[in-house]
N, C-alpha and C. Protein backbone atom coordinates (compact mmCIF):
# COMPACT_ATOMS: atom_id res chain seq x y z
N MET A 1 -81.88 8.05 -230.04
CA MET A 1 -80.98 8.37 -228.99
C MET A 1 -81.16 9.84 -228.59
N LYS A 2 -81.32 10.65 -229.60
CA LYS A 2 -81.51 12.06 -229.36
C LYS A 2 -82.73 12.27 -228.48
N TYR A 3 -83.77 11.54 -228.72
CA TYR A 3 -85.00 11.70 -227.95
C TYR A 3 -84.83 11.21 -226.51
N VAL A 4 -84.02 10.21 -226.37
CA VAL A 4 -83.76 9.66 -225.03
C VAL A 4 -83.01 10.71 -224.19
N ILE A 5 -82.04 11.36 -224.78
CA ILE A 5 -81.25 12.37 -224.05
C ILE A 5 -82.15 13.56 -223.73
N VAL A 6 -82.98 13.97 -224.68
CA VAL A 6 -83.90 15.08 -224.43
C VAL A 6 -84.88 14.70 -223.34
N GLY A 7 -85.37 13.48 -223.34
CA GLY A 7 -86.30 13.00 -222.31
C GLY A 7 -85.64 12.99 -220.95
N LEU A 8 -84.40 12.51 -220.89
CA LEU A 8 -83.68 12.49 -219.61
C LEU A 8 -83.45 13.92 -219.10
N LEU A 9 -83.11 14.81 -220.00
CA LEU A 9 -82.92 16.21 -219.59
C LEU A 9 -84.22 16.82 -219.09
N LEU A 10 -85.33 16.46 -219.77
CA LEU A 10 -86.62 16.98 -219.32
C LEU A 10 -86.97 16.45 -217.95
N LEU A 11 -86.60 15.21 -217.68
CA LEU A 11 -86.85 14.64 -216.36
C LEU A 11 -85.90 15.25 -215.31
N ALA A 12 -84.68 15.59 -215.70
CA ALA A 12 -83.68 16.10 -214.78
C ALA A 12 -83.85 17.60 -214.50
N LEU A 13 -84.47 18.32 -215.42
CA LEU A 13 -84.62 19.76 -215.25
C LEU A 13 -85.35 20.15 -213.97
N PRO A 14 -86.47 19.52 -213.64
CA PRO A 14 -87.13 19.91 -212.38
C PRO A 14 -86.21 19.68 -211.15
N ALA A 15 -85.46 18.61 -211.17
CA ALA A 15 -84.55 18.33 -210.06
C ALA A 15 -83.45 19.40 -210.01
N LEU A 16 -82.91 19.74 -211.19
CA LEU A 16 -81.89 20.77 -211.23
C LEU A 16 -82.45 22.12 -210.80
N ALA A 17 -83.67 22.42 -211.22
CA ALA A 17 -84.30 23.68 -210.84
C ALA A 17 -84.51 23.74 -209.34
N GLU A 18 -84.98 22.62 -208.77
CA GLU A 18 -85.19 22.57 -207.33
C GLU A 18 -83.88 22.75 -206.59
N TRP A 19 -82.81 22.12 -207.04
CA TRP A 19 -81.49 22.25 -206.41
C TRP A 19 -81.01 23.69 -206.49
N SER A 20 -81.27 24.32 -207.65
CA SER A 20 -80.88 25.70 -207.84
C SER A 20 -81.65 26.62 -206.90
N LEU A 21 -82.94 26.36 -206.73
CA LEU A 21 -83.74 27.18 -205.82
C LEU A 21 -83.29 26.99 -204.38
N GLU A 22 -82.96 25.78 -204.00
CA GLU A 22 -82.47 25.53 -202.64
C GLU A 22 -81.16 26.29 -202.42
N GLY A 23 -80.32 26.27 -203.40
CA GLY A 23 -79.05 27.00 -203.30
C GLY A 23 -79.28 28.49 -203.15
N ARG A 24 -80.22 29.00 -203.92
CA ARG A 24 -80.53 30.43 -203.83
C ARG A 24 -81.09 30.78 -202.46
N SER A 25 -81.96 29.92 -201.96
CA SER A 25 -82.54 30.16 -200.65
C SER A 25 -81.46 30.17 -199.57
N GLU A 26 -80.55 29.20 -199.64
CA GLU A 26 -79.46 29.16 -198.67
C GLU A 26 -78.57 30.39 -198.82
N TRP A 27 -78.32 30.76 -200.06
CA TRP A 27 -77.50 31.94 -200.31
C TRP A 27 -78.16 33.18 -199.74
N ARG A 28 -79.46 33.34 -199.97
CA ARG A 28 -80.18 34.50 -199.45
C ARG A 28 -80.16 34.52 -197.93
N GLN A 29 -80.34 33.35 -197.32
CA GLN A 29 -80.29 33.28 -195.86
C GLN A 29 -78.90 33.66 -195.33
N ALA A 30 -77.88 33.17 -196.02
CA ALA A 30 -76.52 33.49 -195.60
C ALA A 30 -76.25 34.99 -195.74
N VAL A 31 -76.71 35.58 -196.83
CA VAL A 31 -76.52 37.02 -197.04
C VAL A 31 -77.30 37.81 -196.00
N ALA A 32 -78.54 37.38 -195.71
CA ALA A 32 -79.34 38.07 -194.70
C ALA A 32 -78.66 37.99 -193.33
N GLU A 33 -78.13 36.83 -192.99
CA GLU A 33 -77.42 36.67 -191.72
C GLU A 33 -76.18 37.55 -191.67
N MET A 34 -75.47 37.62 -192.79
CA MET A 34 -74.29 38.49 -192.86
C MET A 34 -74.69 39.95 -192.63
N HIS A 35 -75.80 40.38 -193.21
CA HIS A 35 -76.27 41.76 -193.03
C HIS A 35 -76.66 42.00 -191.58
N ARG A 36 -77.31 41.03 -190.95
CA ARG A 36 -77.68 41.18 -189.54
C ARG A 36 -76.44 41.30 -188.67
N GLN A 37 -75.45 40.45 -188.93
CA GLN A 37 -74.22 40.50 -188.14
C GLN A 37 -73.47 41.82 -188.38
N ARG A 38 -73.44 42.26 -189.61
CA ARG A 38 -72.78 43.53 -189.90
C ARG A 38 -73.48 44.68 -189.19
N ALA A 39 -74.81 44.67 -189.21
CA ALA A 39 -75.57 45.72 -188.52
C ALA A 39 -75.28 45.70 -187.01
N GLU A 40 -75.19 44.51 -186.44
CA GLU A 40 -74.88 44.38 -185.01
C GLU A 40 -73.48 44.92 -184.71
N VAL A 41 -72.53 44.58 -185.57
CA VAL A 41 -71.16 45.09 -185.40
C VAL A 41 -71.14 46.61 -185.50
N MET A 42 -71.88 47.16 -186.45
CA MET A 42 -71.93 48.61 -186.61
C MET A 42 -72.57 49.28 -185.39
N ARG A 43 -73.64 48.67 -184.86
CA ARG A 43 -74.27 49.22 -183.65
C ARG A 43 -73.29 49.18 -182.48
N GLU A 44 -72.58 48.07 -182.34
CA GLU A 44 -71.61 47.93 -181.26
C GLU A 44 -70.48 48.96 -181.42
N ALA A 45 -70.03 49.17 -182.63
CA ALA A 45 -68.98 50.17 -182.88
C ALA A 45 -69.49 51.57 -182.54
N ALA A 46 -70.73 51.85 -182.89
CA ALA A 46 -71.32 53.16 -182.57
C ALA A 46 -71.41 53.34 -181.05
N ARG A 47 -71.81 52.28 -180.36
CA ARG A 47 -71.87 52.35 -178.88
C ARG A 47 -70.48 52.59 -178.30
N ALA A 48 -69.49 51.89 -178.83
CA ALA A 48 -68.12 52.04 -178.34
C ALA A 48 -67.61 53.47 -178.59
N ARG A 49 -67.91 54.02 -179.78
CA ARG A 49 -67.50 55.40 -180.07
C ARG A 49 -68.19 56.37 -179.13
N ALA A 50 -69.48 56.16 -178.88
CA ALA A 50 -70.22 57.04 -177.98
C ALA A 50 -69.65 56.95 -176.56
N ASP A 51 -69.33 55.75 -176.11
CA ASP A 51 -68.74 55.58 -174.78
C ASP A 51 -67.39 56.29 -174.71
N ALA A 52 -66.58 56.12 -175.73
CA ALA A 52 -65.26 56.77 -175.75
C ALA A 52 -65.41 58.28 -175.75
N ARG A 53 -66.35 58.78 -176.55
CA ARG A 53 -66.60 60.22 -176.59
C ARG A 53 -67.04 60.73 -175.22
N ARG A 54 -67.95 59.98 -174.58
CA ARG A 54 -68.45 60.38 -173.27
C ARG A 54 -67.32 60.38 -172.23
N GLU A 55 -66.49 59.35 -172.25
CA GLU A 55 -65.36 59.28 -171.31
C GLU A 55 -64.37 60.42 -171.56
N ALA A 56 -64.11 60.71 -172.82
CA ALA A 56 -63.19 61.81 -173.15
C ALA A 56 -63.76 63.14 -172.67
N GLU A 57 -65.06 63.34 -172.85
CA GLU A 57 -65.69 64.57 -172.41
C GLU A 57 -65.65 64.68 -170.89
N ASN A 58 -65.88 63.56 -170.20
CA ASN A 58 -65.80 63.58 -168.73
C ASN A 58 -64.38 63.91 -168.27
N ALA A 59 -63.39 63.31 -168.92
CA ALA A 59 -62.00 63.58 -168.56
C ALA A 59 -61.65 65.04 -168.83
N ARG A 60 -62.11 65.56 -169.97
CA ARG A 60 -61.86 66.97 -170.31
C ARG A 60 -62.51 67.90 -169.28
N HIS A 61 -63.74 67.57 -168.88
CA HIS A 61 -64.45 68.37 -167.88
C HIS A 61 -63.70 68.33 -166.54
N GLU A 62 -63.27 67.15 -166.15
CA GLU A 62 -62.53 66.99 -164.89
C GLU A 62 -61.22 67.78 -164.95
N TRP A 63 -60.52 67.72 -166.08
CA TRP A 63 -59.27 68.44 -166.22
C TRP A 63 -59.51 69.95 -166.12
N ARG A 64 -60.55 70.42 -166.78
CA ARG A 64 -60.86 71.86 -166.73
C ARG A 64 -61.19 72.29 -165.31
N ARG A 65 -61.96 71.46 -164.60
CA ARG A 65 -62.31 71.78 -163.22
C ARG A 65 -61.06 71.84 -162.35
N GLU A 66 -60.19 70.85 -162.48
CA GLU A 66 -58.96 70.84 -161.69
C GLU A 66 -58.05 72.00 -162.06
N ALA A 67 -57.95 72.32 -163.33
CA ALA A 67 -57.13 73.44 -163.77
C ALA A 67 -57.68 74.76 -163.21
N SER A 68 -58.99 74.89 -163.21
CA SER A 68 -59.62 76.10 -162.67
C SER A 68 -59.34 76.22 -161.18
N GLN A 69 -59.47 75.10 -160.47
CA GLN A 69 -59.19 75.13 -159.02
C GLN A 69 -57.73 75.49 -158.76
N ALA A 70 -56.83 74.91 -159.54
CA ALA A 70 -55.40 75.21 -159.38
C ALA A 70 -55.13 76.68 -159.67
N ARG A 71 -55.75 77.21 -160.71
CA ARG A 71 -55.57 78.62 -161.06
C ARG A 71 -56.10 79.52 -159.94
N GLN A 72 -57.26 79.20 -159.37
CA GLN A 72 -57.83 79.99 -158.28
C GLN A 72 -56.92 79.92 -157.04
N GLU A 73 -56.43 78.73 -156.75
CA GLU A 73 -55.53 78.57 -155.61
C GLU A 73 -54.24 79.37 -155.82
N TRP A 74 -53.70 79.29 -157.02
CA TRP A 74 -52.49 80.05 -157.33
C TRP A 74 -52.73 81.54 -157.19
N ASN A 75 -53.89 82.01 -157.68
CA ASN A 75 -54.22 83.44 -157.56
C ASN A 75 -54.33 83.85 -156.10
N ARG A 76 -54.96 83.00 -155.27
CA ARG A 76 -55.05 83.30 -153.83
C ARG A 76 -53.67 83.36 -153.20
N ASP A 77 -52.83 82.37 -153.55
CA ASP A 77 -51.47 82.35 -152.99
C ASP A 77 -50.68 83.58 -153.42
N MET A 78 -50.79 83.97 -154.67
CA MET A 78 -50.07 85.14 -155.16
C MET A 78 -50.59 86.40 -154.49
N GLN A 79 -51.89 86.50 -154.30
CA GLN A 79 -52.47 87.67 -153.63
C GLN A 79 -51.97 87.73 -152.18
N GLN A 80 -51.93 86.59 -151.52
CA GLN A 80 -51.43 86.54 -150.15
C GLN A 80 -49.95 86.91 -150.11
N TRP A 81 -49.18 86.39 -151.08
CA TRP A 81 -47.76 86.70 -151.13
C TRP A 81 -47.54 88.20 -151.35
N ARG A 82 -48.32 88.79 -152.25
CA ARG A 82 -48.21 90.24 -152.50
C ARG A 82 -48.54 91.05 -151.25
N GLU A 83 -49.58 90.60 -150.55
CA GLU A 83 -49.96 91.30 -149.31
C GLU A 83 -48.84 91.18 -148.27
N GLU A 84 -48.26 89.99 -148.13
CA GLU A 84 -47.16 89.81 -147.19
C GLU A 84 -45.96 90.66 -147.60
N LEU A 85 -45.68 90.72 -148.90
CA LEU A 85 -44.58 91.53 -149.41
C LEU A 85 -44.84 93.01 -149.13
N ARG A 86 -46.08 93.45 -149.35
CA ARG A 86 -46.45 94.84 -149.08
C ARG A 86 -46.26 95.16 -147.61
N GLN A 87 -46.69 94.25 -146.74
CA GLN A 87 -46.53 94.47 -145.31
C GLN A 87 -45.05 94.50 -144.92
N TRP A 88 -44.27 93.63 -145.52
CA TRP A 88 -42.83 93.60 -145.22
C TRP A 88 -42.16 94.90 -145.64
N ARG A 89 -42.53 95.39 -146.83
CA ARG A 89 -41.97 96.66 -147.32
C ARG A 89 -42.35 97.81 -146.39
N GLN A 90 -43.64 97.81 -146.00
CA GLN A 90 -44.11 98.86 -145.09
C GLN A 90 -43.35 98.78 -143.77
N SER A 91 -43.16 97.57 -143.28
CA SER A 91 -42.42 97.38 -142.03
C SER A 91 -40.97 97.85 -142.20
N LEU A 92 -40.37 97.54 -143.32
CA LEU A 92 -39.00 97.96 -143.60
C LEU A 92 -38.91 99.49 -143.64
N ARG A 93 -39.85 100.13 -144.33
CA ARG A 93 -39.89 101.60 -144.41
C ARG A 93 -40.01 102.21 -143.01
N ASP A 94 -40.95 101.65 -142.25
CA ASP A 94 -41.15 102.16 -140.90
C ASP A 94 -39.89 102.00 -140.06
N SER A 95 -39.24 100.87 -140.21
CA SER A 95 -38.01 100.60 -139.46
C SER A 95 -36.91 101.58 -139.86
N ILE A 96 -36.79 101.81 -141.17
CA ILE A 96 -35.77 102.76 -141.65
C ILE A 96 -36.09 104.16 -141.15
N ARG A 97 -37.34 104.57 -141.17
CA ARG A 97 -37.74 105.90 -140.68
C ARG A 97 -37.43 106.04 -139.18
N GLU A 98 -37.73 104.98 -138.45
CA GLU A 98 -37.43 105.01 -137.01
C GLU A 98 -35.95 105.13 -136.77
N SER A 99 -35.17 104.38 -137.52
CA SER A 99 -33.71 104.43 -137.40
C SER A 99 -33.20 105.82 -137.75
N ALA A 100 -33.75 106.42 -138.78
CA ALA A 100 -33.34 107.74 -139.21
C ALA A 100 -33.71 108.78 -138.15
N ARG A 101 -34.87 108.67 -137.56
CA ARG A 101 -35.31 109.61 -136.51
C ARG A 101 -34.45 109.45 -135.27
N ALA A 102 -34.13 108.22 -134.94
CA ALA A 102 -33.32 107.97 -133.75
C ALA A 102 -31.89 108.46 -133.96
N TRP A 103 -31.40 108.44 -135.13
CA TRP A 103 -30.03 108.83 -135.44
C TRP A 103 -29.87 110.35 -135.39
N ARG A 104 -30.93 111.05 -135.69
CA ARG A 104 -30.87 112.52 -135.75
C ARG A 104 -30.78 113.03 -134.41
């Protein structure tokens, strides 16, 4: 009986070995596919980060440009206002001087 069991095991071992190799092959293929998918996801994430960075930089550049234009416009307006104020003061002085001369 012992020999019969050993004989059956010897006959079954190649089949078990083949099944084990098939399982390993499938496992390796599954792992390789998982690595490929992970690499694709990582590439896509890197692209998304680069796009977000680029958009943020464009928005920052646009904001700086608009802020600079607003600052320049404000400076022009303030310079114009100062000039108008200076002219008004000069006009007021001249008017007061004329009034003083006419009163004398």
